[in-house]
């Protein structure tokens, strides 16, 4: 345990090879992390749009109330999620 900074947490893969292969490997890693977040954002937006369209068929006051509450709550939740520890 006295290796200090020389100890690696993750095994190093071969860094040699063709540039396109390294870019492809890195792209796969990025998509593995980013895809669930992208799907979550798109599905949340879709849910909000569908709910607003159904409430809009009831009457205008309910639609305005839902849109106001939904906008404030989504902004509040995204504000909490975007906080970065210092």
Protein backbone atom coordinates (compact mmCIF):
# COMPACT_ATOMS: atom_id res chain seq x y z
CA UNK A 1 0.00 0.00 0.00
CA UNK A 2 3.02 2.27 -0.15
CA UNK A 3 2.81 2.67 -3.92
CA UNK A 4 1.41 6.16 -3.56
CA UNK A 5 0.41 7.67 -6.87
CA UNK A 6 1.75 4.73 -8.84
CA UNK A 7 -1.12 2.39 -7.89
CA UNK A 8 -3.89 2.37 -10.49
CA UNK A 9 -7.55 1.89 -9.64
CA UNK A 10 -8.47 0.72 -13.10
CA UNK A 11 -6.35 -1.48 -15.30
CA UNK A 12 -4.88 0.40 -18.22
CA UNK A 13 -5.90 -0.95 -21.55
CA UNK A 14 -3.62 -0.82 -24.52
CA UNK A 15 -3.33 2.75 -25.63
CA UNK A 16 -1.67 1.76 -28.82
CA UNK A 17 -3.74 1.19 -31.87
CA UNK A 18 -5.49 3.03 -34.60
CA UNK A 19 -6.99 6.42 -33.79
CA UNK A 20 -10.42 5.51 -35.13
CA UNK A 21 -10.59 2.43 -32.89
CA UNK A 22 -9.66 4.46 -29.81
CA UNK A 23 -12.27 7.09 -30.69
CA UNK A 24 -14.90 4.37 -31.18
CA UNK A 25 -14.07 2.79 -27.81
CA UNK A 26 -14.26 6.13 -26.03
CA UNK A 27 -17.53 6.96 -27.77
CA UNK A 28 -19.06 3.67 -26.58
CA UNK A 29 -18.02 4.48 -23.01
CA UNK A 30 -19.52 7.96 -23.18
CA UNK A 31 -22.82 6.69 -24.58
CA UNK A 32 -23.00 4.03 -21.88
CA UNK A 33 -23.00 6.80 -19.29
CA UNK A 34 -25.02 9.44 -21.17
CA UNK A 35 -27.82 7.37 -22.72
CA UNK A 36 -29.84 6.76 -19.51
CA UNK A 37 -29.82 10.49 -18.78
CA UNK A 38 -30.93 11.34 -22.30
CA UNK A 39 -33.76 8.79 -22.18
CA UNK A 40 -34.84 10.12 -18.79
CA UNK A 41 -35.02 13.72 -20.00
CA UNK A 42 -36.94 12.82 -23.16
CA UNK A 43 -39.44 10.61 -21.36
CA UNK A 44 -40.00 13.22 -18.63
CA UNK A 45 -40.66 15.88 -21.26
CA UNK A 46 -43.05 13.52 -23.06
CA UNK A 47 -44.93 12.80 -19.86
CA UNK A 48 -45.37 16.51 -19.17
CA UNK A 49 -46.65 17.18 -22.69
CA UNK A 50 -49.12 14.30 -22.64
CA UNK A 51 -50.43 15.26 -19.19
CA UNK A 52 -50.89 18.88 -20.24
CA UNK A 53 -52.77 17.85 -23.34
CA UNK A 54 -55.17 15.68 -21.33
CA UNK A 55 -55.72 18.37 -18.70
CA UNK A 56 -56.27 20.91 -21.49
CA UNK A 57 -59.37 18.98 -22.52
CA UNK A 58 -60.93 19.52 -19.08
CA UNK A 59 -60.83 23.32 -18.94
CA UNK A 60 -58.47 26.26 -19.28
CA UNK A 61 -58.12 27.07 -15.59
CA UNK A 62 -56.98 23.56 -14.69
CA UNK A 63 -54.49 23.63 -17.56
CA UNK A 64 -53.06 26.96 -16.41
CA UNK A 65 -52.78 25.72 -12.83
CA UNK A 66 -51.06 22.50 -13.84
CA UNK A 67 -48.67 24.29 -16.18
CA UNK A 68 -47.69 26.73 -13.44
CA UNK A 69 -47.16 24.06 -10.80
CA UNK A 70 -45.33 21.76 -13.21
CA UNK A 71 -43.02 24.51 -14.43
CA UNK A 72 -42.11 25.58 -10.91
CA UNK A 73 -41.59 22.05 -9.64
CA UNK A 74 -39.50 20.98 -12.64
CA UNK A 75 -37.29 24.06 -12.30
CA UNK A 76 -36.95 23.46 -8.56
CA UNK A 77 -36.02 19.79 -9.01
CA UNK A 78 -33.56 20.54 -11.82
CA UNK A 79 -32.05 23.26 -9.66
CA UNK A 80 -31.47 20.75 -6.87
CA UNK A 81 -30.03 18.17 -9.26
CA UNK A 82 -27.67 20.70 -10.81
CA UNK A 83 -26.11 21.70 -7.48
CA UNK A 84 -22.45 20.86 -7.45
CA UNK A 85 -20.59 20.16 -4.24
CA UNK A 86 -17.74 22.53 -3.56
